[in-house]
Amino acid sequence: MSKSLRIGAYVLIALFGAFELGVLWLALHPNVPPDYRAYYIDWTTTCMNQPVSGETDPVVVSFLPEGRKRAKLIKACGWEGPTGDGTHALGTSGRLRLALTQMSPDPVLALTMIAIDKSDVPKQRVQVTVNGEVLDTLEVASVASQDFIVRIPAALASDHYEVMFDYLDAQPMAPTDPQTRWRSIKLLAAGIVGASDPKTPAVDPPEEAVTQPEP
């Protein structure tokens, strides 16, 4: 092989090696959104944030089957259902997104929850974070559903809220359950309203009747 061909071969090998190193570096340092990294790479969350609109009136939304459509718009991640006993939290955290059609004066986060029925864990602690600030840690019992009111400081008052729930006592229901299937609470209702506003859960509007054309 001539000297020029050998040099060309060395250059090709060097370029190929540099390409392989570049691919390896990208694999080890992927340029991905923070939510993707936390869920798929670092495994620091079980809640993969979804692009829901969050659009809702300033009402408490039912998380039972009769409020399915309203609740779907604000469930960002970490939920399964609804079923007859509520919407089940999955994993070690969950998120609601609320983009209110109008701001509520003196806003509060109204919640109705019940803990899973597990004899060795009679209560579930739920840490509530609103727009990045931890506001409260709630103790949810499994005997009966409980209503909670979390006051939102004036400095956080907005028409857009990211509400995070961290389940400090989440449990696997079977030995082989991954963290993404751990259980803690069931959510029956949630919403941000004014402190003096009604807290009765809002359900979906009735379906419009379809008029059949006359023969």
N, C-alpha and C. Protein backbone atom coordinates (compact mmCIF):
# COMPACT_ATOMS: atom_id res chain seq x y z
N MET A 1 0.85 -1.19 0.00
CA MET A 1 0.00 0.00 0.00
C MET A 1 0.88 1.25 0.00
N SER A 2 0.54 2.19 -0.84
CA SER A 2 1.34 3.41 -0.93
C SER A 2 1.16 4.25 0.33
N LYS A 3 2.12 5.19 0.51
CA LYS A 3 2.09 6.04 1.69
C LYS A 3 0.81 6.88 1.74
N SER A 4 0.38 7.40 0.59
CA SER A 4 -0.82 8.25 0.56
C SER A 4 -2.07 7.46 0.94
N LEU A 5 -2.13 6.18 0.49
CA LEU A 5 -3.29 5.36 0.84
C LEU A 5 -3.31 5.05 2.33
N ARG A 6 -2.10 4.79 2.89
CA ARG A 6 -2.02 4.52 4.33
C ARG A 6 -2.49 5.73 5.14
N ILE A 7 -2.06 6.92 4.71
CA ILE A 7 -2.46 8.12 5.41
C ILE A 7 -3.99 8.31 5.34
N GLY A 8 -4.53 8.05 4.13
CA GLY A 8 -5.98 8.16 3.95
C GLY A 8 -6.73 7.19 4.85
N ALA A 9 -6.19 5.93 4.98
CA ALA A 9 -6.82 4.93 5.84
C ALA A 9 -6.79 5.38 7.29
N TYR A 10 -5.65 5.94 7.72
CA TYR A 10 -5.54 6.42 9.10
C TYR A 10 -6.54 7.55 9.38
N VAL A 11 -6.68 8.44 8.39
CA VAL A 11 -7.62 9.55 8.55
C VAL A 11 -9.05 9.03 8.69
N LEU A 12 -9.41 8.04 7.85
CA LEU A 12 -10.75 7.47 7.92
C LEU A 12 -10.99 6.80 9.28
N ILE A 13 -9.97 6.06 9.75
CA ILE A 13 -10.10 5.40 11.05
C ILE A 13 -10.28 6.43 12.16
N ALA A 14 -9.50 7.52 12.08
CA ALA A 14 -9.60 8.56 13.09
C ALA A 14 -10.97 9.23 13.06
N LEU A 15 -11.50 9.50 11.85
CA LEU A 15 -12.81 10.11 11.74
C LEU A 15 -13.90 9.19 12.29
N PHE A 16 -13.78 7.90 11.97
CA PHE A 16 -14.75 6.93 12.46
C PHE A 16 -14.71 6.86 13.99
N GLY A 17 -13.47 6.86 14.54
CA GLY A 17 -13.34 6.83 15.99
C GLY A 17 -13.94 8.06 16.64
N ALA A 18 -13.73 9.24 16.02
CA ALA A 18 -14.28 10.48 16.56
C ALA A 18 -15.81 10.45 16.52
N PHE A 19 -16.36 9.88 15.42
CA PHE A 19 -17.81 9.76 15.30
C PHE A 19 -18.37 8.87 16.41
N GLU A 20 -17.70 7.71 16.62
CA GLU A 20 -18.16 6.79 17.67
C GLU A 20 -18.10 7.45 19.04
N LEU A 21 -17.04 8.20 19.31
CA LEU A 21 -16.94 8.90 20.59
C LEU A 21 -18.03 9.95 20.74
N GLY A 22 -18.36 10.63 19.63
CA GLY A 22 -19.43 11.62 19.68
C GLY A 22 -20.77 10.99 19.98
N VAL A 23 -21.04 9.84 19.35
CA VAL A 23 -22.29 9.13 19.61
C VAL A 23 -22.36 8.68 21.07
N LEU A 24 -21.24 8.16 21.59
CA LEU A 24 -21.20 7.72 22.99
C LEU A 24 -21.43 8.89 23.93
N TRP A 25 -20.83 10.05 23.62
CA TRP A 25 -21.00 11.23 24.48
C TRP A 25 -22.46 11.67 24.50
N LEU A 26 -23.11 11.65 23.31
CA LEU A 26 -24.52 12.04 23.26
C LEU A 26 -25.39 11.06 24.02
N ALA A 27 -25.02 9.76 23.96
CA ALA A 27 -25.80 8.76 24.69
C ALA A 27 -25.70 8.98 26.20
N LEU A 28 -24.51 9.40 26.65
CA LEU A 28 -24.30 9.62 28.08
C LEU A 28 -24.80 10.98 28.54
N HIS A 29 -24.90 11.93 27.61
CA HIS A 29 -25.34 13.29 27.94
C HIS A 29 -26.43 13.74 26.96
N PRO A 30 -27.57 13.05 26.97
CA PRO A 30 -28.62 13.40 26.00
C PRO A 30 -29.21 14.78 26.27
N ASN A 31 -29.51 15.48 25.19
CA ASN A 31 -30.13 16.81 25.29
C ASN A 31 -31.65 16.63 25.23
N VAL A 32 -32.25 16.38 26.41
CA VAL A 32 -33.68 16.09 26.49
C VAL A 32 -34.32 17.03 27.51
N PRO A 33 -35.64 17.22 27.43
CA PRO A 33 -36.32 18.07 28.41
C PRO A 33 -36.16 17.53 29.83
N PRO A 34 -36.21 18.41 30.84
CA PRO A 34 -36.03 17.97 32.23
C PRO A 34 -37.01 16.89 32.67
N ASP A 35 -38.29 17.00 32.26
CA ASP A 35 -39.28 16.00 32.67
C ASP A 35 -38.93 14.63 32.10
N TYR A 36 -38.49 14.61 30.84
CA TYR A 36 -38.09 13.35 30.20
C TYR A 36 -36.90 12.74 30.94
N ARG A 37 -35.91 13.57 31.24
CA ARG A 37 -34.71 13.08 31.93
C ARG A 37 -35.07 12.51 33.30
N ALA A 38 -35.92 13.23 34.05
CA ALA A 38 -36.27 12.79 35.40
C ALA A 38 -36.99 11.45 35.39
N TYR A 39 -37.86 11.23 34.37
CA TYR A 39 -38.66 10.01 34.34
C TYR A 39 -37.90 8.83 33.73
N TYR A 40 -37.25 9.06 32.58
CA TYR A 40 -36.67 7.95 31.83
C TYR A 40 -35.18 7.69 32.13
N ILE A 41 -34.45 8.72 32.53
CA ILE A 41 -32.99 8.58 32.66
C ILE A 41 -32.56 8.55 34.13
N ASP A 42 -32.93 9.61 34.86
CA ASP A 42 -32.48 9.69 36.25
C ASP A 42 -33.37 8.91 37.21
N TRP A 43 -34.60 8.58 36.78
CA TRP A 43 -35.57 7.86 37.62
C TRP A 43 -35.82 8.58 38.94
N THR A 44 -35.89 9.90 38.89
CA THR A 44 -36.15 10.67 40.10
C THR A 44 -37.63 11.01 40.26
N THR A 45 -38.46 10.59 39.32
CA THR A 45 -39.90 10.80 39.44
C THR A 45 -40.63 9.64 38.77
N THR A 46 -41.84 9.37 39.24
CA THR A 46 -42.69 8.37 38.58
C THR A 46 -43.81 9.06 37.80
N CYS A 47 -43.74 10.37 37.69
CA CYS A 47 -44.81 11.16 37.08
C CYS A 47 -44.28 11.83 35.82
N MET A 48 -44.62 11.28 34.66
CA MET A 48 -44.18 11.83 33.39
C MET A 48 -45.16 12.90 32.93
N ASN A 49 -44.75 14.16 33.07
CA ASN A 49 -45.62 15.30 32.80
C ASN A 49 -46.19 15.24 31.38
N GLN A 50 -47.52 15.37 31.28
CA GLN A 50 -48.20 15.33 30.00
C GLN A 50 -48.72 16.73 29.62
N PRO A 51 -48.82 17.01 28.32
CA PRO A 51 -49.20 18.36 27.88
C PRO A 51 -50.71 18.61 27.90
N VAL A 52 -51.34 18.42 29.07
CA VAL A 52 -52.77 18.72 29.16
C VAL A 52 -52.96 20.23 29.27
N SER A 53 -54.11 20.70 28.83
CA SER A 53 -54.34 22.15 28.81
C SER A 53 -54.53 22.71 30.21
N GLY A 54 -55.16 21.94 31.09
CA GLY A 54 -55.45 22.43 32.43
C GLY A 54 -56.65 23.36 32.49
N GLU A 55 -57.29 23.60 31.36
CA GLU A 55 -58.39 24.58 31.34
C GLU A 55 -59.55 24.13 32.22
N THR A 56 -59.95 24.99 33.13
CA THR A 56 -61.05 24.67 34.03
C THR A 56 -61.63 25.95 34.60
N ASP A 57 -62.91 25.88 34.90
CA ASP A 57 -63.54 26.97 35.65
C ASP A 57 -63.03 26.91 37.09
N PRO A 58 -63.16 28.01 37.84
CA PRO A 58 -62.75 27.96 39.25
C PRO A 58 -63.79 27.20 40.08
N VAL A 59 -63.78 25.88 39.92
CA VAL A 59 -64.71 25.00 40.63
C VAL A 59 -63.93 23.81 41.17
N VAL A 60 -64.55 23.09 42.09
CA VAL A 60 -64.00 21.82 42.55
C VAL A 60 -64.49 20.75 41.57
N VAL A 61 -63.56 20.02 40.97
CA VAL A 61 -63.89 19.05 39.93
C VAL A 61 -64.06 17.66 40.54
N SER A 62 -65.09 16.97 40.14
CA SER A 62 -65.29 15.59 40.59
C SER A 62 -64.30 14.67 39.88
N PHE A 63 -63.64 13.81 40.65
CA PHE A 63 -62.74 12.81 40.09
C PHE A 63 -63.36 11.42 40.12
N LEU A 64 -64.68 11.39 40.20
CA LEU A 64 -65.45 10.17 40.03
C LEU A 64 -65.86 10.08 38.56
N PRO A 65 -66.44 8.96 38.13
CA PRO A 65 -66.78 8.82 36.71
C PRO A 65 -67.63 9.95 36.14
N GLU A 66 -68.49 10.55 36.96
CA GLU A 66 -69.36 11.61 36.44
C GLU A 66 -68.62 12.91 36.16
N GLY A 67 -67.36 13.00 36.57
CA GLY A 67 -66.57 14.18 36.26
C GLY A 67 -65.39 13.88 35.35
N ARG A 68 -65.47 12.76 34.65
CA ARG A 68 -64.35 12.26 33.84
C ARG A 68 -63.80 13.31 32.86
N LYS A 69 -64.68 13.97 32.12
CA LYS A 69 -64.23 14.90 31.07
C LYS A 69 -63.55 16.13 31.68
N ARG A 70 -64.14 16.66 32.73
CA ARG A 70 -63.53 17.83 33.38
C ARG A 70 -62.16 17.46 33.95
N ALA A 71 -62.09 16.31 34.62
CA ALA A 71 -60.85 15.91 35.28
C ALA A 71 -59.75 15.59 34.27
N LYS A 72 -60.11 15.06 33.12
CA LYS A 72 -59.11 14.70 32.11
C LYS A 72 -58.27 15.90 31.69
N LEU A 73 -58.87 17.07 31.68
CA LEU A 73 -58.17 18.27 31.22
C LEU A 73 -57.12 18.75 32.21
N ILE A 74 -57.21 18.33 33.46
CA ILE A 74 -56.29 18.86 34.48
C ILE A 74 -55.36 17.78 35.06
N LYS A 75 -55.51 16.52 34.64
CA LYS A 75 -54.64 15.46 35.14
C LYS A 75 -53.36 15.42 34.31
N ALA A 76 -52.28 15.99 34.85
CA ALA A 76 -51.03 16.07 34.09
C ALA A 76 -50.26 14.75 34.12
N CYS A 77 -50.27 14.05 35.24
CA CYS A 77 -49.61 12.73 35.31
C CYS A 77 -49.81 12.12 36.69
N GLY A 78 -49.65 10.79 36.73
CA GLY A 78 -49.68 10.07 37.99
C GLY A 78 -51.05 9.61 38.44
N TRP A 79 -52.00 9.44 37.49
CA TRP A 79 -53.37 9.09 37.86
C TRP A 79 -53.88 7.95 37.00
N GLU A 80 -54.78 7.16 37.58
CA GLU A 80 -55.43 6.07 36.85
C GLU A 80 -56.92 6.09 37.20
N GLY A 81 -57.75 5.99 36.18
CA GLY A 81 -59.18 6.02 36.43
C GLY A 81 -59.82 7.20 35.72
N PRO A 82 -61.05 7.53 36.12
CA PRO A 82 -61.69 7.22 37.39
C PRO A 82 -62.43 5.89 37.44
N THR A 83 -62.63 5.41 38.68
CA THR A 83 -63.49 4.26 38.93
C THR A 83 -64.53 4.70 39.94
N GLY A 84 -65.34 3.78 40.38
CA GLY A 84 -66.41 4.12 41.30
C GLY A 84 -65.95 4.65 42.64
N ASP A 85 -64.68 4.37 43.01
CA ASP A 85 -64.19 4.86 44.31
C ASP A 85 -63.19 6.00 44.14
N GLY A 86 -63.13 6.61 42.97
CA GLY A 86 -62.26 7.75 42.76
C GLY A 86 -61.20 7.51 41.70
N THR A 87 -60.30 8.47 41.57
CA THR A 87 -59.17 8.37 40.65
C THR A 87 -57.94 7.98 41.46
N HIS A 88 -57.32 6.86 41.10
CA HIS A 88 -56.23 6.29 41.89
C HIS A 88 -54.90 6.96 41.56
N ALA A 89 -54.17 7.34 42.61
CA ALA A 89 -52.81 7.85 42.42
C ALA A 89 -51.89 6.68 42.11
N LEU A 90 -50.99 6.88 41.13
CA LEU A 90 -50.02 5.85 40.76
C LEU A 90 -48.61 6.39 40.98
N GLY A 91 -47.74 5.57 41.57
CA GLY A 91 -46.36 5.99 41.75
C GLY A 91 -46.17 6.76 43.05
N THR A 92 -45.08 7.50 43.11
CA THR A 92 -44.74 8.24 44.32
C THR A 92 -45.09 9.72 44.23
N SER A 93 -45.61 10.15 43.08
CA SER A 93 -46.03 11.56 42.95
C SER A 93 -47.07 11.69 41.85
N GLY A 94 -47.83 12.78 41.91
CA GLY A 94 -48.83 13.07 40.90
C GLY A 94 -48.91 14.57 40.68
N ARG A 95 -49.51 14.96 39.56
CA ARG A 95 -49.57 16.40 39.23
C ARG A 95 -50.94 16.75 38.65
N LEU A 96 -51.44 17.91 39.07
CA LEU A 96 -52.60 18.52 38.45
C LEU A 96 -52.18 19.86 37.87
N ARG A 97 -52.75 20.21 36.72
CA ARG A 97 -52.51 21.52 36.11
C ARG A 97 -53.86 22.23 36.02
N LEU A 98 -53.93 23.43 36.56
CA LEU A 98 -55.18 24.18 36.54
C LEU A 98 -54.95 25.54 35.92
N ALA A 99 -55.49 25.72 34.72
CA ALA A 99 -55.46 27.02 34.04
C ALA A 99 -56.88 27.59 34.15
N LEU A 100 -57.09 28.44 35.14
CA LEU A 100 -58.43 28.91 35.47
C LEU A 100 -58.95 29.90 34.43
N THR A 101 -60.22 29.78 34.11
CA THR A 101 -60.84 30.71 33.18
C THR A 101 -60.98 32.09 33.80
N GLN A 102 -60.94 32.17 35.12
CA GLN A 102 -60.89 33.45 35.82
C GLN A 102 -60.25 33.23 37.19
N MET A 103 -59.55 34.25 37.67
CA MET A 103 -58.87 34.13 38.96
C MET A 103 -59.87 34.15 40.11
N SER A 104 -59.50 33.40 41.15
CA SER A 104 -60.34 33.36 42.34
C SER A 104 -59.74 34.24 43.42
N PRO A 105 -60.55 35.09 44.06
CA PRO A 105 -60.02 35.88 45.17
C PRO A 105 -59.79 34.98 46.38
N ASP A 106 -58.74 35.25 47.12
CA ASP A 106 -58.41 34.47 48.31
C ASP A 106 -58.44 32.97 47.98
N PRO A 107 -57.59 32.52 47.04
CA PRO A 107 -57.72 31.14 46.53
C PRO A 107 -57.32 30.08 47.56
N VAL A 108 -58.01 28.94 47.47
CA VAL A 108 -57.67 27.77 48.27
C VAL A 108 -57.72 26.55 47.36
N LEU A 109 -56.93 25.55 47.70
CA LEU A 109 -56.98 24.26 47.02
C LEU A 109 -57.87 23.35 47.85
N ALA A 110 -58.99 22.94 47.26
CA ALA A 110 -59.94 22.06 47.94
C ALA A 110 -59.75 20.64 47.43
N LEU A 111 -59.61 19.69 48.35
CA LEU A 111 -59.34 18.30 47.99
C LEU A 111 -60.25 17.37 48.79
N THR A 112 -60.68 16.29 48.16
CA THR A 112 -61.32 15.19 48.87
C THR A 112 -60.56 13.93 48.50
N MET A 113 -60.04 13.23 49.54
CA MET A 113 -59.19 12.06 49.31
C MET A 113 -59.51 10.97 50.32
N ILE A 114 -59.11 9.78 49.97
CA ILE A 114 -59.14 8.65 50.90
C ILE A 114 -57.89 7.81 50.64
N ALA A 115 -57.29 7.28 51.69
CA ALA A 115 -56.08 6.48 51.53
C ALA A 115 -56.44 5.05 51.12
N ILE A 116 -55.48 4.36 50.54
CA ILE A 116 -55.68 2.95 50.22
C ILE A 116 -55.91 2.17 51.51
N ASP A 117 -56.61 1.06 51.39
CA ASP A 117 -56.89 0.22 52.56
C ASP A 117 -55.79 -0.83 52.70
N LYS A 118 -54.82 -0.53 53.56
CA LYS A 118 -53.70 -1.43 53.78
C LYS A 118 -53.45 -1.46 55.29
N SER A 119 -53.63 -2.62 55.91
CA SER A 119 -53.66 -2.70 57.37
C SER A 119 -52.38 -2.22 58.03
N ASP A 120 -51.23 -2.44 57.39
CA ASP A 120 -49.97 -2.04 58.02
C ASP A 120 -49.62 -0.57 57.76
N VAL A 121 -50.42 0.11 56.92
CA VAL A 121 -50.21 1.54 56.66
C VAL A 121 -51.57 2.24 56.74
N PRO A 122 -52.03 2.57 57.96
CA PRO A 122 -53.39 3.10 58.12
C PRO A 122 -53.57 4.52 57.59
N LYS A 123 -52.46 5.26 57.41
CA LYS A 123 -52.55 6.63 56.90
C LYS A 123 -51.52 6.85 55.81
N GLN A 124 -51.81 7.83 54.95
CA GLN A 124 -50.89 8.24 53.90
C GLN A 124 -50.59 9.72 54.07
N ARG A 125 -49.30 10.06 54.11
CA ARG A 125 -48.92 11.47 54.15
C ARG A 125 -48.75 11.97 52.72
N VAL A 126 -49.37 13.08 52.42
CA VAL A 126 -49.33 13.66 51.08
C VAL A 126 -48.78 15.08 51.19
N GLN A 127 -47.61 15.30 50.61
CA GLN A 127 -47.02 16.65 50.59
C GLN A 127 -47.55 17.40 49.37
N VAL A 128 -48.09 18.59 49.62
CA VAL A 128 -48.72 19.37 48.55
C VAL A 128 -47.83 20.57 48.21
N THR A 129 -47.47 20.66 46.94
CA THR A 129 -46.65 21.76 46.45
C THR A 129 -47.42 22.49 45.36
N VAL A 130 -47.51 23.81 45.48
CA VAL A 130 -48.23 24.62 44.49
C VAL A 130 -47.26 25.62 43.88
N ASN A 131 -47.14 25.57 42.56
CA ASN A 131 -46.23 26.47 41.83
C ASN A 131 -44.84 26.51 42.45
N GLY A 132 -44.36 25.33 42.81
CA GLY A 132 -42.99 25.19 43.30
C GLY A 132 -42.79 25.42 44.79
N GLU A 133 -43.85 25.77 45.53
CA GLU A 133 -43.71 26.03 46.97
C GLU A 133 -44.50 25.00 47.77
N VAL A 134 -43.81 24.31 48.70
CA VAL A 134 -44.48 23.34 49.56
C VAL A 134 -45.41 24.09 50.51
N LEU A 135 -46.71 23.72 50.48
CA LEU A 135 -47.69 24.43 51.30
C LEU A 135 -48.17 23.63 52.50
N ASP A 136 -48.20 22.30 52.39
CA ASP A 136 -48.75 21.52 53.49
C ASP A 136 -48.40 20.05 53.30
N THR A 137 -48.46 19.30 54.40
CA THR A 137 -48.39 17.84 54.35
C THR A 137 -49.65 17.32 55.02
N LEU A 138 -50.48 16.63 54.26
CA LEU A 138 -51.78 16.16 54.73
C LEU A 138 -51.69 14.70 55.16
N GLU A 139 -52.43 14.35 56.19
CA GLU A 139 -52.53 12.95 56.63
C GLU A 139 -53.90 12.44 56.20
N VAL A 140 -53.88 11.44 55.33
CA VAL A 140 -55.12 10.91 54.75
C VAL A 140 -55.36 9.52 55.32
N ALA A 141 -56.51 9.32 55.94
CA ALA A 141 -56.86 8.03 56.53
C ALA A 141 -57.62 7.17 55.52
N SER A 142 -57.68 5.88 55.81
CA SER A 142 -58.35 4.94 54.90
C SER A 142 -59.75 4.57 55.35
N VAL A 143 -60.20 5.12 56.48
CA VAL A 143 -61.51 4.74 57.02
C VAL A 143 -62.64 5.35 56.20
N ALA A 144 -62.52 6.65 55.90
CA ALA A 144 -63.54 7.35 55.13
C ALA A 144 -62.89 8.52 54.40
N SER A 145 -63.56 9.01 53.35
CA SER A 145 -63.00 10.14 52.60
C SER A 145 -62.93 11.38 53.48
N GLN A 146 -61.93 12.22 53.21
CA GLN A 146 -61.72 13.43 54.00
C GLN A 146 -61.62 14.65 53.08
N ASP A 147 -62.16 15.77 53.55
CA ASP A 147 -62.05 17.03 52.84
C ASP A 147 -60.89 17.84 53.42
N PHE A 148 -60.09 18.44 52.54
CA PHE A 148 -58.95 19.25 52.96
C PHE A 148 -59.02 20.60 52.26
N ILE A 149 -58.59 21.64 52.97
CA ILE A 149 -58.47 22.98 52.40
C ILE A 149 -57.03 23.43 52.60
N VAL A 150 -56.34 23.72 51.50
CA VAL A 150 -54.96 24.22 51.56
C VAL A 150 -54.99 25.66 51.08
N ARG A 151 -54.65 26.58 51.96
CA ARG A 151 -54.68 28.00 51.59
C ARG A 151 -53.47 28.33 50.72
N ILE A 152 -53.71 29.11 49.68
CA ILE A 152 -52.66 29.52 48.75
C ILE A 152 -52.25 30.96 49.07
N PRO A 153 -50.99 31.19 49.39
CA PRO A 153 -50.55 32.55 49.74
C PRO A 153 -50.81 33.54 48.60
N ALA A 154 -51.03 34.79 48.98
CA ALA A 154 -51.31 35.83 47.98
C ALA A 154 -50.20 35.94 46.95
N ALA A 155 -48.96 35.67 47.36
CA ALA A 155 -47.82 35.78 46.44
C ALA A 155 -47.89 34.73 45.33
N LEU A 156 -48.63 33.64 45.56
CA LEU A 156 -48.76 32.59 44.55
C LEU A 156 -50.05 32.68 43.76
N ALA A 157 -50.91 33.61 44.13
CA ALA A 157 -52.20 33.72 43.45
C ALA A 157 -52.00 33.99 41.96
N SER A 158 -52.72 33.24 41.13
CA SER A 158 -52.51 33.29 39.68
C SER A 158 -53.74 32.71 39.01
N ASP A 159 -53.71 32.69 37.69
CA ASP A 159 -54.75 31.95 36.98
C ASP A 159 -54.20 30.63 36.44
N HIS A 160 -52.95 30.31 36.81
CA HIS A 160 -52.32 29.06 36.38
C HIS A 160 -51.61 28.43 37.57
N TYR A 161 -51.94 27.16 37.84
CA TYR A 161 -51.36 26.47 38.98
C TYR A 161 -50.85 25.09 38.57
N GLU A 162 -49.63 24.80 39.03
CA GLU A 162 -49.08 23.44 38.93
C GLU A 162 -49.09 22.87 40.35
N VAL A 163 -49.91 21.86 40.56
CA VAL A 163 -50.07 21.28 41.89
C VAL A 163 -49.42 19.89 41.90
N MET A 164 -48.42 19.72 42.75
CA MET A 164 -47.71 18.45 42.88
C MET A 164 -48.10 17.77 44.18
N PHE A 165 -48.30 16.46 44.10
CA PHE A 165 -48.57 15.64 45.27
C PHE A 165 -47.43 14.63 45.41
N ASP A 166 -46.75 14.65 46.53
CA ASP A 166 -45.72 13.65 46.81
C ASP A 166 -46.25 12.73 47.90
N TYR A 167 -46.28 11.43 47.57
CA TYR A 167 -46.86 10.45 48.47
C TYR A 167 -45.74 9.83 49.31
N LEU A 168 -45.62 10.30 50.55
CA LEU A 168 -44.47 9.94 51.37
C LEU A 168 -44.54 8.51 51.89
N ASP A 169 -45.73 7.91 51.84
CA ASP A 169 -45.90 6.54 52.36
C ASP A 169 -46.43 5.59 51.29
N ALA A 170 -46.23 5.92 50.00
CA ALA A 170 -46.73 5.07 48.92
C ALA A 170 -46.18 3.65 49.08
N GLN A 171 -47.02 2.66 48.71
CA GLN A 171 -46.70 1.26 48.95
C GLN A 171 -46.92 0.42 47.70
N PRO A 172 -46.05 -0.60 47.47
CA PRO A 172 -46.38 -1.58 46.44
C PRO A 172 -47.49 -2.48 46.93
N MET A 173 -48.43 -2.80 46.07
CA MET A 173 -49.52 -3.69 46.45
C MET A 173 -49.15 -5.15 46.23
N ALA A 174 -48.09 -5.38 45.46
CA ALA A 174 -47.55 -6.74 45.24
C ALA A 174 -46.03 -6.64 45.25
N PRO A 175 -45.34 -7.70 45.64
CA PRO A 175 -43.87 -7.64 45.76
C PRO A 175 -43.16 -7.22 44.47
N THR A 176 -43.75 -7.52 43.33
CA THR A 176 -43.08 -7.24 42.06
C THR A 176 -43.48 -5.90 41.45
N ASP A 177 -44.32 -5.12 42.14
CA ASP A 177 -44.78 -3.84 41.58
C ASP A 177 -43.61 -2.87 41.43
N PRO A 178 -43.42 -2.28 40.24
CA PRO A 178 -42.42 -1.20 40.10
C PRO A 178 -42.93 0.06 40.78
N GLN A 179 -42.03 1.01 41.01
CA GLN A 179 -42.43 2.25 41.69
C GLN A 179 -43.55 2.98 40.97
N THR A 180 -43.60 2.85 39.65
CA THR A 180 -44.63 3.54 38.88
C THR A 180 -46.03 2.98 39.15
N ARG A 181 -46.11 1.83 39.85
CA ARG A 181 -47.41 1.23 40.17
C ARG A 181 -47.72 1.28 41.66
N TRP A 182 -46.88 1.94 42.45
CA TRP A 182 -47.14 2.02 43.88
C TRP A 182 -48.43 2.79 44.13
N ARG A 183 -49.07 2.49 45.26
CA ARG A 183 -50.38 3.07 45.58
C ARG A 183 -50.31 3.88 46.87
N SER A 184 -51.24 4.84 46.97
CA SER A 184 -51.26 5.70 48.17
C SER A 184 -52.68 6.18 48.48
N ILE A 185 -53.21 7.03 47.60
CA ILE A 185 -54.53 7.62 47.86
C ILE A 185 -55.42 7.50 46.64
N LYS A 186 -56.70 7.78 46.86
CA LYS A 186 -57.66 7.92 45.78
C LYS A 186 -58.24 9.34 45.88
N LEU A 187 -58.23 10.03 44.77
CA LEU A 187 -58.71 11.41 44.72
C LEU A 187 -60.17 11.41 44.27
N LEU A 188 -61.03 12.04 45.07
CA LEU A 188 -62.44 12.10 44.74
C LEU A 188 -62.85 13.45 44.18
N ALA A 189 -62.12 14.51 44.57
CA ALA A 189 -62.45 15.85 44.06
C ALA A 189 -61.25 16.76 44.30
N ALA A 190 -61.08 17.76 43.41
CA ALA A 190 -59.98 18.71 43.55
C ALA A 190 -60.30 19.95 42.74
N GLY A 191 -59.85 21.09 43.22
CA GLY A 191 -60.03 22.32 42.48
C GLY A 191 -59.52 23.51 43.27
N ILE A 192 -59.30 24.62 42.57
CA ILE A 192 -58.90 25.86 43.21
C ILE A 192 -60.04 26.86 43.07
N VAL A 193 -60.52 27.31 44.21
CA VAL A 193 -61.68 28.20 44.25
C VAL A 193 -61.40 29.29 45.29
N GLY A 194 -62.29 30.28 45.34
CA GLY A 194 -62.20 31.27 46.39
C GLY A 194 -62.56 30.65 47.73
N ALA A 195 -61.99 31.18 48.80
CA ALA A 195 -62.20 30.59 50.13
C ALA A 195 -63.69 30.52 50.49
N SER A 196 -64.47 31.46 50.03
CA SER A 196 -65.90 31.48 50.39
C SER A 196 -66.78 30.85 49.32
N ASP A 197 -66.19 30.34 48.24
CA ASP A 197 -66.97 29.75 47.15
C ASP A 197 -67.48 28.36 47.54
N PRO A 198 -68.54 27.89 46.87
CA PRO A 198 -69.05 26.54 47.13
C PRO A 198 -67.98 25.49 46.82
N LYS A 199 -67.99 24.39 47.58
CA LYS A 199 -67.01 23.32 47.39
C LYS A 199 -67.66 22.04 46.84
N THR A 200 -68.91 22.13 46.41
CA THR A 200 -69.59 20.96 45.85
C THR A 200 -68.93 20.57 44.53
N PRO A 201 -68.51 19.30 44.37
CA PRO A 201 -67.81 18.90 43.14
C PRO A 201 -68.66 19.08 41.89
N ALA A 202 -68.04 19.62 40.86
CA ALA A 202 -68.72 19.83 39.58
C ALA A 202 -68.57 18.58 38.71
N VAL A 203 -69.64 18.17 38.08
CA VAL A 203 -69.62 17.01 37.20
C VAL A 203 -69.70 17.47 35.76
N ASP A 204 -69.57 16.51 34.84
CA ASP A 204 -69.64 16.85 33.42
C ASP A 204 -71.05 17.30 33.05
N PRO A 205 -71.16 18.22 32.10
CA PRO A 205 -72.50 18.60 31.64
C PRO A 205 -73.15 17.42 30.93
N PRO A 206 -74.47 17.36 30.94
CA PRO A 206 -75.15 16.23 30.28
C PRO A 206 -74.90 16.23 28.78
N GLU A 207 -74.84 15.02 28.22
CA GLU A 207 -74.67 14.89 26.78
C GLU A 207 -75.90 15.41 26.06
N GLU A 208 -75.64 16.15 24.97
CA GLU A 208 -76.78 16.64 24.19
C GLU A 208 -77.42 15.47 23.45
N ALA A 209 -78.72 15.45 23.50
CA ALA A 209 -79.46 14.39 22.82
C ALA A 209 -79.30 14.55 21.31
N VAL A 210 -79.09 13.42 20.65
CA VAL A 210 -78.97 13.43 19.19
C VAL A 210 -80.35 13.21 18.57
N THR A 211 -80.79 14.20 17.82
CA THR A 211 -82.11 14.13 17.20
C THR A 211 -82.02 13.33 15.91
N GLN A 212 -82.80 12.28 15.85
CA GLN A 212 -82.83 11.45 14.65
C GLN A 212 -83.75 12.09 13.60
N PRO A 213 -83.28 12.17 12.34
CA PRO A 213 -84.13 12.75 11.29
C PRO A 213 -85.38 11.90 11.06
N GLU A 214 -86.46 12.60 10.80
CA GLU A 214 -87.70 11.86 10.53
C GLU A 214 -87.61 11.15 9.19
N PRO A 215 -88.18 9.96 9.12
CA PRO A 215 -88.14 9.23 7.83
C PRO A 215 -88.99 9.91 6.79
